[in-house]
């Protein structure tokens, strides 16, 4: 396993935010990013599970040495949280 980047966390957070905004798979401006020594925490709300998964994938590509904790929620267009159906 490689050592985490030596860049300060606030630079990494800005780098991740810019990547999420500029990556055509995501184009997401409303995801909050917090970085600790070896972990990236993502929070916010998106309209689909696919978008949520792609956000995490982009961050993993960008910072492979960090563990990604994806706490982004999926909300329907109406703003109500999407209910996951079991079975």
N, C-alpha and C. Protein backbone atom coordinates (compact mmCIF):
# COMPACT_ATOMS: atom_id res chain seq x y z
N UNK A 1 0.85 -1.17 0.00
CA UNK A 1 0.00 0.00 0.00
C UNK A 1 0.89 1.23 0.00
N UNK A 2 0.54 2.22 -0.81
CA UNK A 2 1.35 3.42 -0.87
C UNK A 2 0.98 4.36 0.25
N UNK A 3 1.92 5.24 0.59
CA UNK A 3 1.67 6.22 1.65
C UNK A 3 0.72 7.29 1.14
N UNK A 4 -0.11 7.83 2.01
CA UNK A 4 -1.00 8.91 1.60
C UNK A 4 -0.20 10.10 1.10
N UNK A 5 -0.82 10.88 0.25
CA UNK A 5 -0.19 12.05 -0.33
C UNK A 5 0.30 12.99 0.76
N UNK A 6 1.40 13.68 0.50
CA UNK A 6 1.94 14.61 1.48
C UNK A 6 1.34 16.00 1.33
N UNK A 7 0.45 16.20 0.34
CA UNK A 7 -0.19 17.51 0.18
C UNK A 7 -1.15 17.75 1.33
N UNK A 8 -1.25 19.02 1.79
CA UNK A 8 -2.21 19.32 2.87
C UNK A 8 -3.63 18.94 2.47
N UNK A 9 -4.42 18.54 3.47
CA UNK A 9 -5.78 18.07 3.22
C UNK A 9 -6.63 19.09 2.47
N UNK A 10 -6.50 20.39 2.78
CA UNK A 10 -7.36 21.37 2.11
C UNK A 10 -7.06 21.45 0.62
N UNK A 11 -5.80 21.23 0.21
CA UNK A 11 -5.49 21.19 -1.22
C UNK A 11 -6.10 19.96 -1.88
N UNK A 12 -6.02 18.84 -1.19
CA UNK A 12 -6.61 17.61 -1.71
C UNK A 12 -8.13 17.74 -1.82
N UNK A 13 -8.75 18.34 -0.82
CA UNK A 13 -10.21 18.52 -0.86
C UNK A 13 -10.61 19.37 -2.06
N UNK A 14 -9.88 20.46 -2.30
CA UNK A 14 -10.19 21.31 -3.44
C UNK A 14 -9.96 20.55 -4.75
N UNK A 15 -8.91 19.77 -4.81
CA UNK A 15 -8.60 18.97 -6.00
C UNK A 15 -9.73 17.98 -6.30
N UNK A 16 -10.24 17.33 -5.25
CA UNK A 16 -11.34 16.37 -5.42
C UNK A 16 -12.61 17.10 -5.86
N UNK A 17 -12.91 18.23 -5.22
CA UNK A 17 -14.11 18.99 -5.60
C UNK A 17 -14.05 19.41 -7.07
N UNK A 18 -12.89 19.89 -7.51
CA UNK A 18 -12.73 20.28 -8.91
C UNK A 18 -12.89 19.10 -9.85
N UNK A 19 -12.35 17.95 -9.45
CA UNK A 19 -12.49 16.75 -10.28
C UNK A 19 -13.96 16.33 -10.40
N UNK A 20 -14.69 16.39 -9.29
CA UNK A 20 -16.11 16.03 -9.32
C UNK A 20 -16.92 17.02 -10.16
N UNK A 21 -16.54 18.27 -10.14
CA UNK A 21 -17.25 19.28 -10.93
C UNK A 21 -16.93 19.16 -12.41
N UNK A 22 -15.69 18.79 -12.74
CA UNK A 22 -15.24 18.80 -14.13
C UNK A 22 -15.32 17.46 -14.84
N UNK A 23 -15.41 16.38 -14.11
CA UNK A 23 -15.48 15.06 -14.73
C UNK A 23 -16.84 14.91 -15.42
N UNK A 24 -16.87 14.63 -16.74
CA UNK A 24 -18.16 14.54 -17.45
C UNK A 24 -19.06 13.41 -16.96
N UNK A 25 -18.51 12.41 -16.28
CA UNK A 25 -19.34 11.34 -15.73
C UNK A 25 -20.13 11.82 -14.52
N UNK A 26 -19.69 12.91 -13.90
CA UNK A 26 -20.28 13.35 -12.64
C UNK A 26 -20.85 14.76 -12.74
N UNK A 27 -20.01 15.74 -13.07
CA UNK A 27 -20.41 17.16 -13.11
C UNK A 27 -21.19 17.55 -11.86
N UNK A 28 -20.65 17.20 -10.72
CA UNK A 28 -21.35 17.39 -9.46
C UNK A 28 -20.69 18.50 -8.63
N UNK A 29 -21.49 19.50 -8.26
CA UNK A 29 -20.99 20.63 -7.49
C UNK A 29 -21.40 20.57 -6.02
N UNK A 30 -22.30 19.68 -5.67
CA UNK A 30 -22.90 19.72 -4.34
C UNK A 30 -22.53 18.53 -3.46
N UNK A 31 -21.33 18.02 -3.63
CA UNK A 31 -20.85 16.95 -2.75
C UNK A 31 -19.78 17.55 -1.85
N UNK A 32 -19.94 17.35 -0.56
CA UNK A 32 -18.96 17.82 0.41
C UNK A 32 -17.86 16.78 0.55
N UNK A 33 -16.63 17.25 0.62
CA UNK A 33 -15.47 16.37 0.70
C UNK A 33 -14.68 16.73 1.96
N UNK A 34 -14.39 15.72 2.77
CA UNK A 34 -13.54 15.89 3.94
C UNK A 34 -12.46 14.83 3.85
N UNK A 35 -11.22 15.22 4.10
CA UNK A 35 -10.11 14.28 3.99
C UNK A 35 -9.32 14.25 5.29
N UNK A 36 -9.07 13.04 5.78
CA UNK A 36 -8.16 12.85 6.90
C UNK A 36 -6.91 12.20 6.34
N UNK A 37 -6.05 11.75 7.18
CA UNK A 37 -4.77 11.20 6.74
C UNK A 37 -4.90 10.19 5.61
N UNK A 38 -5.80 9.23 5.74
CA UNK A 38 -5.90 8.18 4.73
C UNK A 38 -7.34 7.86 4.33
N UNK A 39 -8.26 8.78 4.61
CA UNK A 39 -9.68 8.52 4.31
C UNK A 39 -10.33 9.77 3.73
N UNK A 40 -11.23 9.52 2.76
CA UNK A 40 -12.02 10.58 2.14
C UNK A 40 -13.48 10.34 2.51
N UNK A 41 -14.14 11.34 3.09
CA UNK A 41 -15.54 11.26 3.44
C UNK A 41 -16.33 12.11 2.45
N UNK A 42 -17.34 11.52 1.85
CA UNK A 42 -18.19 12.21 0.89
C UNK A 42 -19.60 12.30 1.45
N UNK A 43 -20.19 13.49 1.42
CA UNK A 43 -21.56 13.68 1.87
C UNK A 43 -22.29 14.58 0.87
N UNK A 44 -23.59 14.50 0.90
CA UNK A 44 -24.41 15.30 -0.01
C UNK A 44 -25.57 14.46 -0.49
N UNK A 45 -26.23 14.95 -1.53
CA UNK A 45 -27.38 14.25 -2.10
C UNK A 45 -27.32 14.33 -3.62
N UNK A 46 -27.65 13.23 -4.26
CA UNK A 46 -27.66 13.14 -5.73
C UNK A 46 -28.96 12.49 -6.18
N UNK A 47 -29.32 12.62 -7.47
CA UNK A 47 -30.61 12.11 -7.93
C UNK A 47 -30.65 10.61 -8.24
N UNK A 48 -29.51 9.90 -8.25
CA UNK A 48 -29.56 8.47 -8.59
C UNK A 48 -28.43 7.70 -7.92
N UNK A 49 -28.66 6.41 -7.75
CA UNK A 49 -27.63 5.52 -7.20
C UNK A 49 -26.43 5.44 -8.13
N UNK A 50 -26.69 5.46 -9.43
CA UNK A 50 -25.58 5.44 -10.40
C UNK A 50 -24.65 6.63 -10.19
N UNK A 51 -25.21 7.82 -10.03
CA UNK A 51 -24.40 9.02 -9.81
C UNK A 51 -23.59 8.88 -8.52
N UNK A 52 -24.22 8.35 -7.48
CA UNK A 52 -23.55 8.14 -6.19
C UNK A 52 -22.33 7.22 -6.37
N UNK A 53 -22.51 6.14 -7.10
CA UNK A 53 -21.43 5.18 -7.31
C UNK A 53 -20.31 5.77 -8.16
N UNK A 54 -20.66 6.55 -9.17
CA UNK A 54 -19.65 7.16 -10.04
C UNK A 54 -18.82 8.18 -9.26
N UNK A 55 -19.46 8.91 -8.37
CA UNK A 55 -18.73 9.88 -7.54
C UNK A 55 -17.63 9.16 -6.75
N UNK A 56 -17.99 8.05 -6.12
CA UNK A 56 -16.99 7.29 -5.35
C UNK A 56 -15.90 6.75 -6.26
N UNK A 57 -16.26 6.30 -7.45
CA UNK A 57 -15.26 5.77 -8.39
C UNK A 57 -14.27 6.86 -8.82
N UNK A 58 -14.78 8.05 -9.09
CA UNK A 58 -13.90 9.16 -9.48
C UNK A 58 -12.90 9.46 -8.35
N UNK A 59 -13.39 9.49 -7.12
CA UNK A 59 -12.50 9.78 -5.99
C UNK A 59 -11.48 8.66 -5.81
N UNK A 60 -11.90 7.41 -5.98
CA UNK A 60 -10.94 6.29 -5.86
C UNK A 60 -9.86 6.37 -6.94
N UNK A 61 -10.25 6.77 -8.14
CA UNK A 61 -9.27 6.93 -9.22
C UNK A 61 -8.28 8.05 -8.90
N UNK A 62 -8.79 9.12 -8.33
CA UNK A 62 -7.98 10.29 -8.03
C UNK A 62 -7.06 10.06 -6.83
N UNK A 63 -7.55 9.38 -5.81
CA UNK A 63 -6.79 9.15 -4.58
C UNK A 63 -6.81 7.66 -4.21
N UNK A 64 -6.12 6.84 -4.99
CA UNK A 64 -6.18 5.39 -4.75
C UNK A 64 -5.59 4.96 -3.40
N UNK A 65 -4.78 5.81 -2.80
CA UNK A 65 -4.16 5.46 -1.52
C UNK A 65 -5.09 5.76 -0.34
N UNK A 66 -6.23 6.38 -0.59
CA UNK A 66 -7.19 6.72 0.45
C UNK A 66 -8.37 5.74 0.43
N UNK A 67 -8.94 5.51 1.59
CA UNK A 67 -10.19 4.75 1.68
C UNK A 67 -11.33 5.74 1.52
N UNK A 68 -12.33 5.40 0.71
CA UNK A 68 -13.45 6.29 0.45
C UNK A 68 -14.66 5.86 1.28
N UNK A 69 -15.18 6.79 2.08
CA UNK A 69 -16.41 6.57 2.85
C UNK A 69 -17.50 7.41 2.19
N UNK A 70 -18.34 6.74 1.42
CA UNK A 70 -19.35 7.42 0.62
C UNK A 70 -20.66 7.50 1.40
N UNK A 71 -20.96 8.69 1.94
CA UNK A 71 -22.19 8.92 2.69
C UNK A 71 -23.16 9.78 1.89
N UNK A 72 -22.97 9.82 0.58
CA UNK A 72 -23.87 10.56 -0.30
C UNK A 72 -25.20 9.81 -0.35
N UNK A 73 -26.29 10.55 -0.23
CA UNK A 73 -27.62 9.94 -0.27
C UNK A 73 -28.26 10.16 -1.63
N UNK A 74 -29.23 9.33 -1.93
CA UNK A 74 -29.97 9.43 -3.19
C UNK A 74 -31.33 10.05 -2.87
N UNK A 75 -31.64 11.15 -3.56
CA UNK A 75 -32.92 11.81 -3.37
C UNK A 75 -33.65 11.89 -4.70
N UNK A 76 -34.94 11.65 -4.66
CA UNK A 76 -35.73 11.76 -5.87
C UNK A 76 -35.85 13.24 -6.26
N UNK A 77 -36.36 13.49 -7.43
CA UNK A 77 -36.52 14.85 -7.93
C UNK A 77 -37.35 15.70 -6.96
N UNK A 78 -38.31 15.11 -6.29
CA UNK A 78 -39.18 15.85 -5.38
C UNK A 78 -38.46 16.27 -4.11
N UNK A 79 -37.25 15.71 -3.88
CA UNK A 79 -36.50 16.06 -2.69
C UNK A 79 -36.65 15.07 -1.55
N UNK A 80 -37.57 14.13 -1.67
CA UNK A 80 -37.74 13.12 -0.65
C UNK A 80 -36.71 12.02 -0.86
N UNK A 81 -36.10 11.50 0.21
CA UNK A 81 -35.12 10.43 0.05
C UNK A 81 -35.72 9.21 -0.65
N UNK A 82 -34.95 8.61 -1.53
CA UNK A 82 -35.39 7.41 -2.25
C UNK A 82 -35.35 6.23 -1.27
N UNK A 83 -36.42 5.45 -1.24
CA UNK A 83 -36.50 4.30 -0.37
C UNK A 83 -36.01 3.07 -1.11
N UNK A 84 -35.06 2.37 -0.49
CA UNK A 84 -34.52 1.17 -1.11
C UNK A 84 -35.48 0.02 -0.84
N UNK A 85 -35.84 -0.70 -1.90
CA UNK A 85 -36.76 -1.83 -1.76
C UNK A 85 -35.98 -3.11 -1.55
N UNK A 86 -36.43 -3.91 -0.62
CA UNK A 86 -35.80 -5.19 -0.35
C UNK A 86 -36.57 -6.28 -1.06
N UNK A 87 -35.80 -7.27 -1.55
CA UNK A 87 -36.41 -8.45 -2.14
C UNK A 87 -36.99 -8.16 -3.43
